[in-house]
Amino acid sequence: MLAWQEGRLDSRPGCAPRTRSGDYLWLHKLISTATASRDLKDAVDARVLRRRGEKRLSQYRFG
């Protein structure tokens, strides 16, 4: 199960409206960079997150 499916991505009001993969890794210290990248890509593919930017400059937002 992916982190966003388990509710490990924080969508509460007041949280940062955009996040980067580094922020995601900081929140989830036990996952690898490959897992973080896969989780974020899968969340974008499932339309849970939107991505803005490319490669290391990508930002993610719910919706």
N, C-alpha and C. Protein backbone atom coordinates (compact mmCIF):
# COMPACT_ATOMS: atom_id res chain seq x y z
N MET A 1 0.85 -1.18 0.00
CA MET A 1 0.00 0.00 0.00
C MET A 1 0.89 1.24 0.00
N LEU A 2 0.51 2.23 -0.77
CA LEU A 2 1.29 3.45 -0.91
C LEU A 2 0.99 4.41 0.23
N ALA A 3 1.94 5.29 0.48
CA ALA A 3 1.80 6.23 1.60
C ALA A 3 0.54 7.08 1.48
N TRP A 4 0.22 7.55 0.28
CA TRP A 4 -0.97 8.40 0.15
C TRP A 4 -2.24 7.59 0.35
N GLN A 5 -2.21 6.28 0.04
CA GLN A 5 -3.38 5.44 0.26
C GLN A 5 -3.58 5.16 1.75
N GLU A 6 -2.50 5.13 2.49
CA GLU A 6 -2.57 4.89 3.93
C GLU A 6 -2.86 6.17 4.70
N GLY A 7 -2.94 7.28 4.01
CA GLY A 7 -3.20 8.55 4.68
C GLY A 7 -1.97 9.17 5.29
N ARG A 8 -0.78 8.77 4.84
CA ARG A 8 0.44 9.33 5.40
C ARG A 8 0.79 10.68 4.78
N LEU A 9 0.15 11.06 3.68
CA LEU A 9 0.31 12.42 3.17
C LEU A 9 -0.67 13.30 3.92
N ASP A 10 -0.21 14.37 4.45
CA ASP A 10 -1.04 15.21 5.31
C ASP A 10 -1.85 16.20 4.49
N SER A 11 -3.16 16.04 4.47
CA SER A 11 -4.03 16.94 3.71
C SER A 11 -4.86 17.84 4.63
N ARG A 12 -4.48 17.93 5.89
CA ARG A 12 -5.25 18.75 6.83
C ARG A 12 -5.13 20.23 6.49
N PRO A 13 -6.19 21.00 6.76
CA PRO A 13 -6.10 22.44 6.56
C PRO A 13 -4.96 23.01 7.41
N GLY A 14 -4.28 23.97 6.87
CA GLY A 14 -3.16 24.58 7.59
C GLY A 14 -1.83 23.97 7.26
N CYS A 15 -1.81 22.84 6.58
CA CYS A 15 -0.56 22.23 6.14
C CYS A 15 -0.11 22.92 4.86
N ALA A 16 1.14 22.78 4.55
CA ALA A 16 1.69 23.42 3.36
C ALA A 16 0.88 23.03 2.13
N PRO A 17 0.42 24.01 1.35
CA PRO A 17 -0.40 23.68 0.19
C PRO A 17 0.39 22.97 -0.90
N ARG A 18 1.67 23.17 -0.95
CA ARG A 18 2.53 22.48 -1.91
C ARG A 18 3.67 21.82 -1.17
N THR A 19 4.11 20.73 -1.72
CA THR A 19 5.23 20.02 -1.09
C THR A 19 6.16 19.53 -2.18
N ARG A 20 7.37 19.24 -1.81
CA ARG A 20 8.35 18.67 -2.72
C ARG A 20 8.72 17.29 -2.21
N SER A 21 9.38 16.52 -3.05
CA SER A 21 9.72 15.16 -2.64
C SER A 21 10.61 15.16 -1.40
N GLY A 22 11.46 16.17 -1.24
CA GLY A 22 12.30 16.25 -0.04
C GLY A 22 11.48 16.43 1.22
N ASP A 23 10.39 17.20 1.12
CA ASP A 23 9.49 17.36 2.26
C ASP A 23 8.84 16.03 2.62
N TYR A 24 8.46 15.31 1.59
CA TYR A 24 7.83 13.99 1.77
C TYR A 24 8.81 13.04 2.47
N LEU A 25 10.06 13.07 2.03
CA LEU A 25 11.07 12.22 2.67
C LEU A 25 11.32 12.65 4.11
N TRP A 26 11.28 13.94 4.38
CA TRP A 26 11.50 14.43 5.74
C TRP A 26 10.39 13.94 6.65
N LEU A 27 9.16 13.92 6.14
CA LEU A 27 8.03 13.44 6.95
C LEU A 27 8.06 11.94 7.17
N HIS A 28 8.60 11.22 6.21
CA HIS A 28 8.59 9.75 6.25
C HIS A 28 10.03 9.24 6.18
N LYS A 29 10.70 9.34 7.28
CA LYS A 29 12.13 9.08 7.34
C LYS A 29 12.53 7.63 7.05
N LEU A 30 11.60 6.70 7.12
CA LEU A 30 11.94 5.29 6.95
C LEU A 30 11.80 4.80 5.52
N ILE A 31 11.41 5.67 4.58
CA ILE A 31 11.27 5.21 3.20
C ILE A 31 12.46 5.70 2.37
N SER A 32 12.74 4.97 1.31
CA SER A 32 13.86 5.34 0.44
C SER A 32 13.41 6.41 -0.55
N THR A 33 14.39 7.03 -1.22
CA THR A 33 14.06 8.02 -2.23
C THR A 33 13.29 7.39 -3.38
N ALA A 34 13.62 6.16 -3.72
CA ALA A 34 12.89 5.46 -4.79
C ALA A 34 11.43 5.25 -4.41
N THR A 35 11.19 4.87 -3.16
CA THR A 35 9.81 4.67 -2.70
C THR A 35 9.05 5.99 -2.70
N ALA A 36 9.68 7.06 -2.26
CA ALA A 36 9.04 8.38 -2.25
C ALA A 36 8.68 8.80 -3.67
N SER A 37 9.60 8.63 -4.60
CA SER A 37 9.33 8.99 -6.00
C SER A 37 8.19 8.17 -6.58
N ARG A 38 8.19 6.89 -6.29
CA ARG A 38 7.12 6.01 -6.79
C ARG A 38 5.78 6.39 -6.17
N ASP A 39 5.76 6.64 -4.87
CA ASP A 39 4.52 7.05 -4.19
C ASP A 39 3.95 8.33 -4.81
N LEU A 40 4.81 9.32 -5.01
CA LEU A 40 4.35 10.59 -5.57
C LEU A 40 3.87 10.42 -7.00
N LYS A 41 4.58 9.64 -7.80
CA LYS A 41 4.16 9.39 -9.18
C LYS A 41 2.81 8.67 -9.22
N ASP A 42 2.65 7.66 -8.38
CA ASP A 42 1.39 6.92 -8.34
C ASP A 42 0.23 7.80 -7.89
N ALA A 43 0.50 8.71 -6.95
CA ALA A 43 -0.54 9.63 -6.48
C ALA A 43 -0.93 10.61 -7.60
N VAL A 44 0.04 11.04 -8.39
CA VAL A 44 -0.26 11.91 -9.53
C VAL A 44 -1.07 11.14 -10.57
N ASP A 45 -0.66 9.91 -10.86
CA ASP A 45 -1.38 9.08 -11.83
C ASP A 45 -2.82 8.81 -11.39
N ALA A 46 -3.04 8.68 -10.09
CA ALA A 46 -4.38 8.44 -9.55
C ALA A 46 -5.17 9.74 -9.36
N ARG A 47 -4.55 10.85 -9.72
CA ARG A 47 -5.17 12.18 -9.61
C ARG A 47 -5.47 12.60 -8.18
N VAL A 48 -4.71 12.06 -7.25
CA VAL A 48 -4.80 12.50 -5.85
C VAL A 48 -3.98 13.77 -5.68
N LEU A 49 -2.83 13.81 -6.37
CA LEU A 49 -1.95 14.98 -6.35
C LEU A 49 -1.80 15.53 -7.76
N ARG A 50 -1.50 16.81 -7.84
CA ARG A 50 -1.12 17.44 -9.11
C ARG A 50 0.35 17.82 -8.99
N ARG A 51 1.07 17.65 -10.07
CA ARG A 51 2.49 18.02 -10.09
C ARG A 51 2.68 19.28 -10.91
N ARG A 52 3.49 20.17 -10.39
CA ARG A 52 3.88 21.38 -11.10
C ARG A 52 5.39 21.40 -11.16
N GLY A 53 5.96 21.57 -12.33
CA GLY A 53 7.41 21.58 -12.49
C GLY A 53 7.92 20.23 -12.95
N GLU A 54 9.20 20.17 -13.16
CA GLU A 54 9.85 18.96 -13.65
C GLU A 54 11.02 18.57 -12.76
N LYS A 55 11.26 17.27 -12.73
CA LYS A 55 12.40 16.67 -12.03
C LYS A 55 12.53 17.21 -10.61
N ARG A 56 13.71 17.68 -10.23
CA ARG A 56 13.92 18.07 -8.83
C ARG A 56 13.19 19.35 -8.43
N LEU A 57 12.66 20.08 -9.40
CA LEU A 57 11.90 21.29 -9.10
C LEU A 57 10.41 21.04 -8.99
N SER A 58 9.98 19.80 -9.08
CA SER A 58 8.56 19.46 -9.00
C SER A 58 7.98 19.82 -7.64
N GLN A 59 6.75 20.32 -7.68
CA GLN A 59 5.97 20.57 -6.47
C GLN A 59 4.67 19.81 -6.61
N TYR A 60 4.14 19.35 -5.48
CA TYR A 60 2.93 18.53 -5.49
C TYR A 60 1.86 19.22 -4.65
N ARG A 61 0.62 19.07 -5.13
CA ARG A 61 -0.51 19.69 -4.44
C ARG A 61 -1.71 18.75 -4.54
N PHE A 62 -2.51 18.69 -3.50
CA PHE A 62 -3.71 17.87 -3.55
C PHE A 62 -4.68 18.42 -4.57
N GLY A 63 -5.38 17.51 -5.24
CA GLY A 63 -6.46 17.94 -6.10
C GLY A 63 -6.29 17.60 -7.50
